[in-house]
Amino acid sequence: MSAQPFASHVQELQRRLLVSVAATLAVAAISYAFRDQLIHFLVSPLHQSLIYTAPSGGFQFLMAVCLGVGAVVALPIFIYNMVRFVEPAFERRKISKKGTIGILSASFGLAWLGLGFAYYLVLPMSFRFFASFAAGPIKPLISTTEYLSFVLGCLITFALIFQLPLLLLFINFINRFPPGSLSRYRRYVIIGNLSIAIYI
């Protein structure tokens, strides 16, 4: 008898993940119509052209751009589905429809704030820093694969980081934090932020 609830939970998780994947693919398909604008937007912080060394490099770059845009835009939908999936485990607190709309709106807003912070501040600073090491005959020749991996990694990382306030609010809604309980994790947050900054 206990296998049936577990199987139903697995099926619900699969369904919600499929919805998130479908949303990602739908946004990716739509973004293909704006591929020229998207590529120009992504490459403009570098202020130089990119190269590819494989015959299919241009196609792979374009597909990766569209899928990356789909993943970033569909991130709030994924978060919404995960919130709805874990909600039954907390029977004492339920989220109303109004609260659900608020979560989804806040997630979209925080994701775009994270993207804007990464694109307009972190990426230009990173490129200027790395370009300072190109001296004399050493000139950068960046491939599409390396550039896209770096840029999308940065954008998605900050889109996720900016979701942390919403995650903390959700946890506090389910089980309230005692006053001052989060201060003990301050040092870990600082170390984590420093690690992310070094990685990026």
C-alpha atoms as a PDB file:
ATOM      1  CA  MET A   1       0.000   0.000   0.000  1.00  0.00           C
ATOM      2  CA  SER A   2       2.918   2.342   0.757  1.00  0.00           C
ATOM      3  CA  ALA A   3       4.266   1.996  -2.792  1.00  0.00           C
ATOM      4  CA  GLN A   4       1.245   3.691  -4.298  1.00  0.00           C
ATOM      5  CA  PRO A   5       1.737   7.126  -2.645  1.00  0.00           C
ATOM      6  CA  PHE A   6       5.431   7.013  -3.555  1.00  0.00           C
ATOM      7  CA  ALA A   7       4.578   6.142  -7.170  1.00  0.00           C
ATOM      8  CA  SER A   8       2.061   8.986  -7.325  1.00  0.00           C
ATOM      9  CA  HIS A   9       4.668  11.423  -6.001  1.00  0.00           C
ATOM     10  CA  VAL A  10       7.135  10.278  -8.643  1.00  0.00           C
ATOM     11  CA  GLN A  11       4.502  10.711 -11.343  1.00  0.00           C
ATOM     12  CA  GLU A  12       3.678  14.213 -10.112  1.00  0.00           C
ATOM     13  CA  LEU A  13       7.364  15.127 -10.064  1.00  0.00           C
ATOM     14  CA  GLN A  14       7.768  13.817 -13.606  1.00  0.00           C
ATOM     15  CA  ARG A  15       4.726  15.787 -14.741  1.00  0.00           C
ATOM     16  CA  ARG A  16       5.980  19.015 -13.209  1.00  0.00           C
ATOM     17  CA  LEU A  17       9.460  18.521 -14.649  1.00  0.00           C
ATOM     18  CA  LEU A  18       7.933  17.852 -18.071  1.00  0.00           C
ATOM     19  CA  VAL A  19       5.946  21.077 -17.793  1.00  0.00           C
ATOM     20  CA  SER A  20       9.158  22.960 -16.984  1.00  0.00           C
ATOM     21  CA  VAL A  21      11.020  21.322 -19.881  1.00  0.00           C
ATOM     22  CA  ALA A  22       8.132  22.055 -22.237  1.00  0.00           C
ATOM     23  CA  ALA A  23       8.162  25.703 -21.161  1.00  0.00           C
ATOM     24  CA  THR A  24      11.919  25.842 -21.769  1.00  0.00           C
ATOM     25  CA  LEU A  25      11.559  24.366 -25.263  1.00  0.00           C
ATOM     26  CA  ALA A  26       8.631  26.680 -26.074  1.00  0.00           C
ATOM     27  CA  VAL A  27      10.613  29.771 -25.096  1.00  0.00           C
ATOM     28  CA  ALA A  28      13.630  28.427 -27.012  1.00  0.00           C
ATOM     29  CA  ALA A  29      11.490  28.002 -30.141  1.00  0.00           C
ATOM     30  CA  ILE A  30      10.154  31.545 -29.809  1.00  0.00           C
ATOM     31  CA  SER A  31      13.628  32.960 -29.208  1.00  0.00           C
ATOM     32  CA  TYR A  32      14.821  31.408 -32.479  1.00  0.00           C
ATOM     33  CA  ALA A  33      12.758  34.022 -34.316  1.00  0.00           C
ATOM     34  CA  PHE A  34      14.868  36.715 -32.599  1.00  0.00           C
ATOM     35  CA  ARG A  35      18.199  34.903 -32.991  1.00  0.00           C
ATOM     36  CA  ASP A  36      20.063  37.800 -34.607  1.00  0.00           C
ATOM     37  CA  GLN A  37      19.091  40.234 -31.861  1.00  0.00           C
ATOM     38  CA  LEU A  38      19.884  37.689 -29.140  1.00  0.00           C
ATOM     39  CA  ILE A  39      23.328  36.867 -30.527  1.00  0.00           C
ATOM     40  CA  HIS A  40      24.174  40.548 -30.901  1.00  0.00           C
ATOM     41  CA  PHE A  41      22.953  41.182 -27.351  1.00  0.00           C
ATOM     42  CA  LEU A  42      25.036  38.339 -25.892  1.00  0.00           C
ATOM     43  CA  VAL A  43      28.216  39.165 -27.804  1.00  0.00           C
ATOM     44  CA  SER A  44      28.138  42.956 -27.352  1.00  0.00           C
ATOM     45  CA  PRO A  45      29.767  42.990 -23.846  1.00  0.00           C
ATOM     46  CA  LEU A  46      32.879  41.341 -25.323  1.00  0.00           C
ATOM     47  CA  HIS A  47      33.409  44.039 -28.000  1.00  0.00           C
ATOM     48  CA  GLN A  48      35.031  41.594 -30.418  1.00  0.00           C
ATOM     49  CA  SER A  49      34.072  38.845 -32.839  1.00  0.00           C
ATOM     50  CA  LEU A  50      33.898  35.164 -31.964  1.00  0.00           C
ATOM     51  CA  ILE A  51      35.164  32.183 -33.927  1.00  0.00           C
ATOM     52  CA  TYR A  52      34.155  28.544 -34.259  1.00  0.00           C
ATOM     53  CA  THR A  53      36.406  25.716 -35.399  1.00  0.00           C
ATOM     54  CA  ALA A  54      33.886  23.003 -36.234  1.00  0.00           C
ATOM     55  CA  PRO A  55      31.698  22.964 -39.380  1.00  0.00           C
ATOM     56  CA  SER A  56      28.589  22.838 -37.200  1.00  0.00           C
ATOM     57  CA  GLY A  57      29.907  25.428 -34.736  1.00  0.00           C
ATOM     58  CA  GLY A  58      27.541  28.189 -35.831  1.00  0.00           C
ATOM     59  CA  PHE A  59      24.511  25.906 -35.585  1.00  0.00           C
ATOM     60  CA  GLN A  60      25.559  24.595 -32.168  1.00  0.00           C
ATOM     61  CA  PHE A  61      26.088  28.132 -30.913  1.00  0.00           C
ATOM     62  CA  LEU A  62      22.663  29.234 -32.111  1.00  0.00           C
ATOM     63  CA  MET A  63      20.901  26.226 -30.575  1.00  0.00           C
ATOM     64  CA  ALA A  64      22.761  26.707 -27.291  1.00  0.00           C
ATOM     65  CA  VAL A  65      21.756  30.381 -27.206  1.00  0.00           C
ATOM     66  CA  CYS A  66      18.080  29.564 -27.753  1.00  0.00           C
ATOM     67  CA  LEU A  67      18.087  26.787 -25.137  1.00  0.00           C
ATOM     68  CA  GLY A  68      19.945  29.018 -22.683  1.00  0.00           C
ATOM     69  CA  VAL A  69      17.369  31.768 -23.121  1.00  0.00           C
ATOM     70  CA  GLY A  70      14.609  29.198 -22.691  1.00  0.00           C
ATOM     71  CA  ALA A  71      16.167  27.882 -19.465  1.00  0.00           C
ATOM     72  CA  VAL A  72      16.594  31.359 -17.984  1.00  0.00           C
ATOM     73  CA  VAL A  73      13.094  32.597 -18.892  1.00  0.00           C
ATOM     74  CA  ALA A  74      11.437  29.347 -17.762  1.00  0.00           C
ATOM     75  CA  LEU A  75      13.312  29.319 -14.432  1.00  0.00           C
ATOM     76  CA  PRO A  76      10.386  30.859 -12.470  1.00  0.00           C
ATOM     77  CA  ILE A  77       8.053  28.222 -13.931  1.00  0.00           C
ATOM     78  CA  PHE A  78      10.408  25.515 -12.676  1.00  0.00           C
ATOM     79  CA  ILE A  79      10.529  27.141  -9.230  1.00  0.00           C
ATOM     80  CA  TYR A  80       6.740  27.434  -9.134  1.00  0.00           C
ATOM     81  CA  ASN A  81       6.334  23.727  -9.935  1.00  0.00           C
ATOM     82  CA  MET A  82       8.878  22.734  -7.298  1.00  0.00           C
ATOM     83  CA  VAL A  83       7.078  24.866  -4.698  1.00  0.00           C
ATOM     84  CA  ARG A  84       3.780  23.204  -5.581  1.00  0.00           C
ATOM     85  CA  PHE A  85       5.433  19.774  -5.425  1.00  0.00           C
ATOM     86  CA  VAL A  86       6.841  20.176  -1.906  1.00  0.00           C
ATOM     87  CA  GLU A  87       3.841  22.111  -0.534  1.00  0.00           C
ATOM     88  CA  PRO A  88       1.806  19.004   0.515  1.00  0.00           C
ATOM     89  CA  ALA A  89       4.635  18.024   2.850  1.00  0.00           C
ATOM     90  CA  PHE A  90       3.795  21.062   4.977  1.00  0.00           C
ATOM     91  CA  GLU A  91       0.173  20.493   5.898  1.00  0.00           C
ATOM     92  CA  ARG A  92       0.044  23.300   8.450  1.00  0.00           C
ATOM     93  CA  ARG A  93       0.663  26.102   5.956  1.00  0.00           C
ATOM     94  CA  LYS A  94      -0.987  26.356   2.563  1.00  0.00           C
ATOM     95  CA  ILE A  95      -0.260  28.875  -0.162  1.00  0.00           C
ATOM     96  CA  SER A  96      -3.281  30.671  -1.590  1.00  0.00           C
ATOM     97  CA  LYS A  97      -3.774  31.482  -5.258  1.00  0.00           C
ATOM     98  CA  LYS A  98      -2.864  35.078  -4.527  1.00  0.00           C
ATOM     99  CA  GLY A  99       0.291  33.895  -2.797  1.00  0.00           C
ATOM    100  CA  THR A 100       1.125  31.676  -5.753  1.00  0.00           C
ATOM    101  CA  ILE A 101       0.820  34.585  -8.170  1.00  0.00           C
ATOM    102  CA  GLY A 102       2.997  36.626  -5.829  1.00  0.00           C
ATOM    103  CA  ILE A 103       5.665  33.903  -5.761  1.00  0.00           C
ATOM    104  CA  LEU A 104       5.679  33.610  -9.533  1.00  0.00           C
ATOM    105  CA  SER A 105       5.831  37.397 -10.027  1.00  0.00           C
ATOM    106  CA  ALA A 106       8.596  37.792  -7.450  1.00  0.00           C
ATOM    107  CA  SER A 107      10.545  34.933  -9.026  1.00  0.00           C
ATOM    108  CA  PHE A 108      10.329  36.544 -12.469  1.00  0.00           C
ATOM    109  CA  GLY A 109      11.375  39.907 -11.053  1.00  0.00           C
ATOM    110  CA  LEU A 110      14.302  38.499  -9.076  1.00  0.00           C
ATOM    111  CA  ALA A 111      15.465  36.431 -12.048  1.00  0.00           C
ATOM    112  CA  TRP A 112      15.528  39.508 -14.298  1.00  0.00           C
ATOM    113  CA  LEU A 113      17.313  41.523 -11.610  1.00  0.00           C
ATOM    114  CA  GLY A 114      19.949  38.802 -11.421  1.00  0.00           C
ATOM    115  CA  LEU A 115      20.292  38.728 -15.197  1.00  0.00           C
ATOM    116  CA  GLY A 116      20.620  42.508 -15.375  1.00  0.00           C
ATOM    117  CA  PHE A 117      23.204  42.544 -12.585  1.00  0.00           C
ATOM    118  CA  ALA A 118      25.265  39.851 -14.324  1.00  0.00           C
ATOM    119  CA  TYR A 119      24.977  41.321 -17.825  1.00  0.00           C
ATOM    120  CA  TYR A 120      25.530  45.006 -17.086  1.00  0.00           C
ATOM    121  CA  LEU A 121      27.957  44.752 -14.176  1.00  0.00           C
ATOM    122  CA  VAL A 122      29.610  41.352 -13.706  1.00  0.00           C
ATOM    123  CA  LEU A 123      30.308  40.455 -17.356  1.00  0.00           C
ATOM    124  CA  PRO A 124      31.886  43.802 -18.377  1.00  0.00           C
ATOM    125  CA  MET A 125      34.055  43.813 -15.255  1.00  0.00           C
ATOM    126  CA  SER A 126      35.105  40.211 -15.890  1.00  0.00           C
ATOM    127  CA  PHE A 127      36.019  40.874 -19.530  1.00  0.00           C
ATOM    128  CA  ARG A 128      38.030  43.970 -18.623  1.00  0.00           C
ATOM    129  CA  PHE A 129      39.872  42.046 -15.927  1.00  0.00           C
ATOM    130  CA  PHE A 130      40.757  39.113 -18.174  1.00  0.00           C
ATOM    131  CA  ALA A 131      41.645  41.402 -21.086  1.00  0.00           C
ATOM    132  CA  SER A 132      44.230  43.138 -18.903  1.00  0.00           C
ATOM    133  CA  PHE A 133      46.390  40.006 -19.126  1.00  0.00           C
ATOM    134  CA  ALA A 134      46.627  40.210 -22.942  1.00  0.00           C
ATOM    135  CA  ALA A 135      50.018  41.880 -23.353  1.00  0.00           C
ATOM    136  CA  GLY A 136      52.382  42.162 -26.310  1.00  0.00           C
ATOM    137  CA  PRO A 137      51.868  39.375 -28.846  1.00  0.00           C
ATOM    138  CA  ILE A 138      49.260  37.661 -26.648  1.00  0.00           C
ATOM    139  CA  LYS A 139      45.870  38.349 -28.195  1.00  0.00           C
ATOM    140  CA  PRO A 140      42.516  36.781 -27.268  1.00  0.00           C
ATOM    141  CA  LEU A 141      40.874  34.541 -29.852  1.00  0.00           C
ATOM    142  CA  ILE A 142      37.686  33.359 -28.181  1.00  0.00           C
ATOM    143  CA  SER A 143      35.547  30.557 -29.548  1.00  0.00           C
ATOM    144  CA  THR A 144      31.771  30.537 -29.507  1.00  0.00           C
ATOM    145  CA  THR A 145      31.682  27.474 -27.243  1.00  0.00           C
ATOM    146  CA  GLU A 146      33.953  28.956 -24.578  1.00  0.00           C
ATOM    147  CA  TYR A 147      32.244  32.327 -24.649  1.00  0.00           C
ATOM    148  CA  LEU A 148      28.714  30.964 -24.446  1.00  0.00           C
ATOM    149  CA  SER A 149      29.644  28.584 -21.634  1.00  0.00           C
ATOM    150  CA  PHE A 150      31.090  31.482 -19.645  1.00  0.00           C
ATOM    151  CA  VAL A 151      28.248  33.933 -20.324  1.00  0.00           C
ATOM    152  CA  LEU A 152      25.364  31.529 -19.773  1.00  0.00           C
ATOM    153  CA  GLY A 153      27.034  30.143 -16.666  1.00  0.00           C
ATOM    154  CA  CYS A 154      27.307  33.669 -15.275  1.00  0.00           C
ATOM    155  CA  LEU A 155      23.736  34.646 -16.195  1.00  0.00           C
ATOM    156  CA  ILE A 156      22.117  31.484 -14.844  1.00  0.00           C
ATOM    157  CA  THR A 157      24.235  31.593 -11.677  1.00  0.00           C
ATOM    158  CA  PHE A 158      23.090  35.101 -10.795  1.00  0.00           C
ATOM    159  CA  ALA A 159      19.496  34.366 -11.801  1.00  0.00           C
ATOM    160  CA  LEU A 160      19.583  31.534  -9.242  1.00  0.00           C
ATOM    161  CA  ILE A 161      21.414  33.551  -6.583  1.00  0.00           C
ATOM    162  CA  PHE A 162      18.780  36.282  -6.774  1.00  0.00           C
ATOM    163  CA  GLN A 163      16.131  33.636  -5.994  1.00  0.00           C
ATOM    164  CA  LEU A 164      17.581  33.119  -2.501  1.00  0.00           C
ATOM    165  CA  PRO A 165      15.454  35.834  -0.818  1.00  0.00           C
ATOM    166  CA  LEU A 166      12.321  34.190  -2.198  1.00  0.00           C
ATOM    167  CA  LEU A 167      13.528  30.777  -1.021  1.00  0.00           C
ATOM    168  CA  LEU A 168      14.202  32.109   2.473  1.00  0.00           C
ATOM    169  CA  LEU A 169      10.765  33.733   2.596  1.00  0.00           C
ATOM    170  CA  PHE A 170       9.150  30.453   1.552  1.00  0.00           C
ATOM    171  CA  ILE A 171      11.052  28.506   4.217  1.00  0.00           C
ATOM    172  CA  ASN A 172      10.151  31.142   6.803  1.00  0.00           C
ATOM    173  CA  PHE A 173       6.493  30.899   5.741  1.00  0.00           C
ATOM    174  CA  ILE A 174       6.504  27.142   6.336  1.00  0.00           C
ATOM    175  CA  ASN A 175       8.593  27.161   9.513  1.00  0.00           C
ATOM    176  CA  ARG A 176       9.469  30.572  10.930  1.00  0.00           C
ATOM    177  CA  PHE A 177      13.104  31.313  11.754  1.00  0.00           C
ATOM    178  CA  PRO A 178      13.887  32.319  15.345  1.00  0.00           C
ATOM    179  CA  PRO A 179      15.161  35.921  15.538  1.00  0.00           C
ATOM    180  CA  GLY A 180      18.869  36.078  14.719  1.00  0.00           C
ATOM    181  CA  SER A 181      19.056  32.414  13.680  1.00  0.00           C
ATOM    182  CA  LEU A 182      20.454  33.224  10.225  1.00  0.00           C
ATOM    183  CA  SER A 183      23.383  35.256  11.535  1.00  0.00           C
ATOM    184  CA  ARG A 184      25.336  32.069  12.233  1.00  0.00           C
ATOM    185  CA  TYR A 185      25.449  31.369   8.494  1.00  0.00           C
ATOM    186  CA  ARG A 186      26.879  34.785   7.592  1.00  0.00           C
ATOM    187  CA  ARG A 187      30.452  33.536   7.278  1.00  0.00           C
ATOM    188  CA  TYR A 188      29.371  30.739   4.929  1.00  0.00           C
ATOM    189  CA  VAL A 189      27.481  33.216   2.750  1.00  0.00           C
ATOM    190  CA  ILE A 190      30.574  35.429   2.529  1.00  0.00           C
ATOM    191  CA  ILE A 191      32.799  32.470   1.622  1.00  0.00           C
ATOM    192  CA  GLY A 192      30.234  31.273  -0.935  1.00  0.00           C
ATOM    193  CA  ASN A 193      30.005  34.690  -2.562  1.00  0.00           C
ATOM    194  CA  LEU A 194      33.798  34.918  -2.710  1.00  0.00           C
ATOM    195  CA  SER A 195      34.000  31.458  -4.308  1.00  0.00           C
ATOM    196  CA  ILE A 196      31.415  32.414  -6.919  1.00  0.00           C
ATOM    197  CA  ALA A 197      33.251  35.667  -7.647  1.00  0.00           C
ATOM    198  CA  ILE A 198      36.530  33.795  -8.143  1.00  0.00           C
ATOM    199  CA  TYR A 199      34.831  31.234 -10.389  1.00  0.00           C
ATOM    200  CA  ILE A 200      33.231  33.910 -12.537  1.00  0.00           C
END
